[in-house]
């Protein structure tokens, strides 16, 4: 086993998760929100593939379909509403439920990096536990920095690292399997080797860590990824599972990082054959 070393130059995620805008006045129904998110997710994935292979004719056709569905603006509205508290979509609530109840009594605020942030008013932000740095690809909200995580400058000191990173419904928007693996690998370079403030023994069990949330079908109904394989990939990166929850729609994981990585490669290989399964995968070079 060896310490995390300099990573390969990351790729841009500009064709991944679309940017967000402030919540408009018009609301979508819960069913319409889910349908719109699924449709645009599928179209953006297809668009990324077309661009990757230089198929401009197909890319233009897909862009036209996206505009017919209301474009990014409508997609962004659905994303924000789908994660609003009145829809039960604030995933950070479960994270706070998992953490020790006395964590708020730590000597100082823990440092969090929230990738793909949609709001400055989620449960984590209101808890008083975290000094929260929020980033998104094209944020238009105050308190959320516009930045691609894969292009964020690597830390040059411990002061620029974090106790916890949140990737809530972010990895699934990355259109390329190898970029997903690189995103997971890159999180290691932004985590502290030890908590930034004094914690008790039980509290220290939770930090440094990665809060990872995915749509459940990414691991329950994929030909190329299941929880066993995901756990093997995360172990290679130095992560061990602390908490887990599976619902009908989402799967939540909280991973503790031990600071060590293993030399291993995970290629795309079938683990769950079946015509009805999806093609979500993670490749670790």
Protein backbone atom coordinates (compact mmCIF):
# COMPACT_ATOMS: atom_id res chain seq x y z
CA UNK A 1 0.00 0.00 0.00
CA UNK A 2 1.23 3.53 -0.67
CA UNK A 3 0.31 7.10 0.15
CA UNK A 4 -1.83 9.03 -2.32
CA UNK A 5 0.42 10.57 -4.94
CA UNK A 6 0.00 13.08 -7.69
CA UNK A 7 -3.03 12.23 -9.82
CA UNK A 8 -3.29 12.37 -13.57
CA UNK A 9 -4.47 15.60 -15.11
CA UNK A 10 -8.26 15.62 -14.61
CA UNK A 11 -10.77 16.03 -17.38
CA UNK A 12 -13.43 18.69 -17.49
CA UNK A 13 -16.96 17.69 -16.56
CA UNK A 14 -18.61 20.33 -18.70
CA UNK A 15 -20.84 17.69 -20.30
CA UNK A 16 -21.84 16.26 -16.94
CA UNK A 17 -24.26 17.70 -14.43
CA UNK A 18 -26.03 20.73 -15.88
CA UNK A 19 -25.79 24.06 -14.05
CA UNK A 20 -28.43 25.29 -11.66
CA UNK A 21 -30.42 28.49 -11.41
CA UNK A 22 -32.52 30.00 -8.69
CA UNK A 23 -35.85 28.29 -8.18
CA UNK A 24 -38.49 29.88 -10.42
CA UNK A 25 -42.01 30.64 -9.29
CA UNK A 26 -43.67 28.00 -11.51
CA UNK A 27 -43.67 24.57 -9.90
CA UNK A 28 -43.68 21.13 -11.40
CA UNK A 29 -45.58 18.21 -9.96
CA UNK A 30 -43.51 15.47 -8.32
CA UNK A 31 -44.22 13.10 -11.22
CA UNK A 32 -43.32 15.73 -13.82
CA UNK A 33 -40.12 16.52 -11.93
CA UNK A 34 -39.01 12.88 -11.95
CA UNK A 35 -39.87 12.44 -15.62
CA UNK A 36 -38.04 15.60 -16.67
CA UNK A 37 -34.92 14.73 -14.68
CA UNK A 38 -34.77 11.21 -16.14
CA UNK A 39 -35.32 12.45 -19.69
CA UNK A 40 -32.70 15.17 -19.54
CA UNK A 41 -30.24 12.89 -17.79
CA UNK A 42 -30.60 10.40 -20.65
CA UNK A 43 -30.30 13.13 -23.31
CA UNK A 44 -27.23 14.75 -21.73
CA UNK A 45 -25.53 11.38 -21.47
CA UNK A 46 -26.25 10.72 -25.15
CA UNK A 47 -25.01 14.22 -26.02
CA UNK A 48 -21.74 13.64 -24.18
CA UNK A 49 -21.22 10.39 -26.10
CA UNK A 50 -21.90 12.08 -29.43
CA UNK A 51 -19.48 14.91 -28.65
CA UNK A 52 -16.86 12.42 -27.44
CA UNK A 53 -17.01 10.56 -30.77
CA UNK A 54 -17.13 13.71 -32.89
CA UNK A 55 -20.63 12.97 -34.21
CA UNK A 56 -21.83 16.53 -34.66
CA UNK A 57 -24.95 15.55 -36.58
CA UNK A 58 -26.21 13.38 -33.71
CA UNK A 59 -25.12 16.00 -31.17
CA UNK A 60 -27.14 18.67 -32.97
CA UNK A 61 -30.20 16.41 -33.03
CA UNK A 62 -29.91 15.73 -29.28
CA UNK A 63 -29.47 19.44 -28.52
CA UNK A 64 -32.70 20.09 -30.42
CA UNK A 65 -34.47 17.46 -28.31
CA UNK A 66 -33.16 19.08 -25.13
CA UNK A 67 -34.53 22.44 -26.22
CA UNK A 68 -37.89 20.85 -27.05
CA UNK A 69 -38.04 19.63 -23.45
CA UNK A 70 -37.51 23.15 -22.17
CA UNK A 71 -33.74 23.28 -22.25
CA UNK A 72 -31.43 23.51 -19.29
CA UNK A 73 -33.63 26.06 -17.57
CA UNK A 74 -36.48 23.58 -17.18
CA UNK A 75 -34.06 20.84 -16.18
CA UNK A 76 -32.55 23.08 -13.52
CA UNK A 77 -35.99 23.89 -12.15
CA UNK A 78 -36.71 20.17 -11.82
CA UNK A 79 -33.36 19.51 -10.13
CA UNK A 80 -33.92 22.20 -7.52
CA UNK A 81 -37.51 21.16 -6.82
CA UNK A 82 -36.58 17.50 -6.68
CA UNK A 83 -34.08 18.20 -3.91
CA UNK A 84 -36.21 20.66 -1.96
CA UNK A 85 -37.24 19.85 1.57
CA UNK A 86 -40.93 19.71 0.70
CA UNK A 87 -40.14 16.86 -1.70
CA UNK A 88 -37.97 15.06 0.87
CA UNK A 89 -34.95 15.60 -1.34
CA UNK A 90 -32.42 17.15 1.05
CA UNK A 91 -29.96 14.28 1.28
CA UNK A 92 -27.85 16.10 3.86
CA UNK A 93 -30.54 15.43 6.47
CA UNK A 94 -29.52 11.76 6.57
CA UNK A 95 -25.86 12.71 6.92
CA UNK A 96 -26.68 14.79 9.98
CA UNK A 97 -28.73 11.91 11.38
CA UNK A 98 -25.71 9.64 10.99
CA UNK A 99 -23.22 11.93 12.71
CA UNK A 100 -22.88 11.84 16.54
CA UNK A 101 -25.40 14.13 18.21
CA UNK A 102 -22.68 15.96 20.14
CA UNK A 103 -20.70 16.79 16.99
CA UNK A 104 -21.97 20.37 17.22
CA UNK A 105 -19.97 20.73 20.45
CA UNK A 106 -16.63 20.23 18.71
CA UNK A 107 -14.08 22.95 19.37
CA UNK A 108 -14.46 24.47 15.89
CA UNK A 109 -16.45 23.95 12.73
CA UNK A 110 -15.47 21.04 10.53
CA UNK A 111 -14.56 21.87 6.94
CA UNK A 112 -16.91 20.54 4.24
CA UNK A 113 -16.62 20.67 0.46
CA UNK A 114 -20.05 20.29 -1.14
CA UNK A 115 -19.70 19.44 -4.83
CA UNK A 116 -22.72 20.12 -7.01
CA UNK A 117 -24.34 22.33 -4.38
CA UNK A 118 -27.90 23.42 -5.13
CA UNK A 119 -28.71 25.37 -1.99
CA UNK A 120 -27.14 27.26 0.89
CA UNK A 121 -30.07 26.36 3.12
CA UNK A 122 -29.88 22.57 3.39
CA UNK A 123 -29.74 20.79 6.75
CA UNK A 124 -25.93 20.67 6.81
CA UNK A 125 -25.70 24.40 6.18
CA UNK A 126 -28.13 25.18 8.99
CA UNK A 127 -26.56 22.75 11.50
CA UNK A 128 -23.73 25.02 12.61
CA UNK A 129 -21.37 22.03 12.41
CA UNK A 130 -19.65 22.85 9.13
CA UNK A 131 -17.66 25.60 7.52
CA UNK A 132 -19.13 24.80 4.12
CA UNK A 133 -17.44 25.46 0.78
CA UNK A 134 -20.01 24.99 -1.98
CA UNK A 135 -19.21 24.60 -5.68
CA UNK A 136 -21.15 23.78 -8.84
CA UNK A 137 -20.39 23.79 -12.56
CA UNK A 138 -22.31 26.97 -13.34
CA UNK A 139 -23.83 28.31 -10.16
CA UNK A 140 -26.05 31.35 -10.23
CA UNK A 141 -26.74 31.31 -6.50
CA UNK A 142 -25.05 33.46 -3.89
CA UNK A 143 -22.81 31.37 -1.63
CA UNK A 144 -22.12 28.74 -4.30
CA UNK A 145 -18.84 29.11 -6.17
CA UNK A 146 -18.90 28.41 -9.91
CA UNK A 147 -16.29 25.71 -10.34
CA UNK A 148 -15.72 22.30 -11.90
CA UNK A 149 -14.43 19.98 -9.17
CA UNK A 150 -12.13 18.29 -11.67
CA UNK A 151 -10.49 21.64 -12.39
CA UNK A 152 -10.32 22.86 -8.79
CA UNK A 153 -6.64 23.53 -7.94
CA UNK A 154 -5.15 20.78 -5.82
CA UNK A 155 -4.46 21.74 -2.20
CA UNK A 156 -0.97 22.99 -1.46
CA UNK A 157 -1.37 22.71 2.33
CA UNK A 158 -3.58 21.06 4.95
CA UNK A 159 -5.37 24.40 5.35
CA UNK A 160 -6.87 23.92 1.88
CA UNK A 161 -8.21 20.42 2.60
CA UNK A 162 -11.49 19.25 4.10
CA UNK A 163 -12.86 16.99 6.81
CA UNK A 164 -15.68 15.77 4.57
CA UNK A 165 -16.66 15.94 0.92
CA UNK A 166 -20.23 15.62 -0.28
CA UNK A 167 -20.92 14.06 -3.69
CA UNK A 168 -24.69 13.91 -3.51
CA UNK A 169 -26.24 13.00 -6.86
CA UNK A 170 -23.12 14.20 -8.65
CA UNK A 171 -21.22 11.09 -9.76
CA UNK A 172 -24.21 9.83 -11.75
CA UNK A 173 -24.20 13.02 -13.86
CA UNK A 174 -20.62 12.45 -14.97
CA UNK A 175 -21.12 11.01 -18.46
CA UNK A 176 -17.94 8.92 -18.74
CA UNK A 177 -17.11 5.87 -16.60
CA UNK A 178 -13.39 6.64 -16.42
CA UNK A 179 -14.14 10.23 -15.36
CA UNK A 180 -16.32 8.86 -12.55
CA UNK A 181 -13.38 6.82 -11.33
CA UNK A 182 -11.09 9.81 -11.59
CA UNK A 183 -13.56 11.94 -9.63
CA UNK A 184 -13.62 9.40 -6.80
CA UNK A 185 -9.81 9.20 -6.85
CA UNK A 186 -9.51 12.99 -6.79
CA UNK A 187 -11.56 13.29 -3.60
CA UNK A 188 -8.64 11.70 -1.72
CA UNK A 189 -6.40 14.65 -2.53
CA UNK A 190 -8.82 17.08 -0.90
CA UNK A 191 -9.27 15.24 2.40
CA UNK A 192 -7.33 15.95 5.57
CA UNK A 193 -5.23 13.18 7.08
CA UNK A 194 -6.63 14.13 10.51
CA UNK A 195 -9.70 16.15 11.58
CA UNK A 196 -9.24 19.90 11.53
CA UNK A 197 -10.42 20.27 15.12
CA UNK A 198 -10.34 18.26 18.34
CA UNK A 199 -12.85 15.40 18.33
CA UNK A 200 -13.71 12.57 20.68
CA UNK A 201 -12.94 8.96 19.81
CA UNK A 202 -16.46 8.26 18.52
CA UNK A 203 -16.55 11.49 16.55
CA UNK A 204 -13.18 10.78 14.94
CA UNK A 205 -14.61 7.58 13.44
CA UNK A 206 -16.53 9.74 10.98
CA UNK A 207 -13.71 11.95 9.67
CA UNK A 208 -12.18 12.41 7.17
CA UNK A 209 -14.99 11.08 5.01
CA UNK A 210 -16.92 11.09 1.76
CA UNK A 211 -20.72 11.34 1.64
CA UNK A 212 -21.76 9.63 -1.59
CA UNK A 213 -25.34 9.54 -2.85
CA UNK A 214 -26.43 7.82 -6.07
CA UNK A 215 -29.72 6.84 -7.66
CA UNK A 216 -30.35 3.32 -6.39
CA UNK A 217 -30.44 1.72 -9.89
CA UNK A 218 -26.79 2.72 -10.40
CA UNK A 219 -25.82 -0.15 -8.10
CA UNK A 220 -28.98 -2.28 -7.80
CA UNK A 221 -29.80 -2.62 -11.49
CA UNK A 222 -26.57 -2.08 -13.43
CA UNK A 223 -24.84 -4.63 -15.63
CA UNK A 224 -21.46 -3.26 -14.66
CA UNK A 225 -21.67 -2.13 -11.03
CA UNK A 226 -23.07 -3.50 -7.78
CA UNK A 227 -22.37 -2.68 -4.14
CA UNK A 228 -19.72 -5.38 -3.87
CA UNK A 229 -17.73 -3.94 -6.76
CA UNK A 230 -18.25 -0.37 -5.56
CA UNK A 231 -16.91 -1.36 -2.14
CA UNK A 232 -13.83 -2.92 -3.78
CA UNK A 233 -13.20 0.27 -5.77
CA UNK A 234 -13.60 2.45 -2.69
CA UNK A 235 -11.31 0.18 -0.65
CA UNK A 236 -8.64 0.58 -3.31
CA UNK A 237 -8.90 4.35 -2.82
CA UNK A 238 -8.52 4.01 0.96
CA UNK A 239 -12.19 4.17 1.92
CA UNK A 240 -14.10 1.97 4.35
CA UNK A 241 -17.87 2.02 4.79
CA UNK A 242 -19.25 3.68 7.93
CA UNK A 243 -22.95 4.03 7.14
CA UNK A 244 -25.31 2.88 4.40
CA UNK A 245 -28.97 3.30 3.52
CA UNK A 246 -30.93 2.03 0.53
CA UNK A 247 -34.33 3.46 -0.39
CA UNK A 248 -36.55 2.87 -3.40
CA UNK A 249 -34.89 5.77 -5.23
CA UNK A 250 -31.49 6.44 -3.69
CA UNK A 251 -28.53 4.72 -2.09
CA UNK A 252 -26.52 6.63 0.53
CA UNK A 253 -23.00 5.80 1.66
CA UNK A 254 -20.70 7.45 4.19
CA UNK A 255 -17.09 6.39 3.64
CA UNK A 256 -14.19 6.96 6.04
CA UNK A 257 -10.84 7.65 4.38
CA UNK A 258 -7.74 6.09 5.96
CA UNK A 259 -5.21 7.94 3.81
CA UNK A 260 -3.88 4.88 1.98
CA UNK A 261 -4.47 3.58 -1.53
CA UNK A 262 -3.78 0.29 -3.28
CA UNK A 263 -2.50 -0.27 -6.78
CA UNK A 264 -5.41 -1.79 -8.64
CA UNK A 265 -7.32 -1.34 -11.88
CA UNK A 266 -11.04 -1.76 -12.42
CA UNK A 267 -12.13 -2.07 -16.02
CA UNK A 268 -15.70 -2.20 -17.30
CA UNK A 269 -16.87 -5.78 -16.89
CA UNK A 270 -20.28 -7.36 -16.58
CA UNK A 271 -21.29 -8.32 -13.04
CA UNK A 272 -25.08 -8.54 -13.46
CA UNK A 273 -26.19 -9.82 -16.88
CA UNK A 274 -29.66 -8.88 -18.00
CA UNK A 275 -31.36 -7.05 -20.86
CA UNK A 276 -33.39 -4.84 -18.51
CA UNK A 277 -30.36 -3.51 -16.63
CA UNK A 278 -28.69 -0.13 -17.17
CA UNK A 279 -25.09 0.51 -18.22
CA UNK A 280 -23.85 2.62 -15.30
CA UNK A 281 -20.24 1.83 -14.45
CA UNK A 282 -17.10 3.17 -12.79
CA UNK A 283 -13.67 2.58 -14.31
CA UNK A 284 -10.54 3.05 -12.23
CA UNK A 285 -7.41 3.30 -14.32
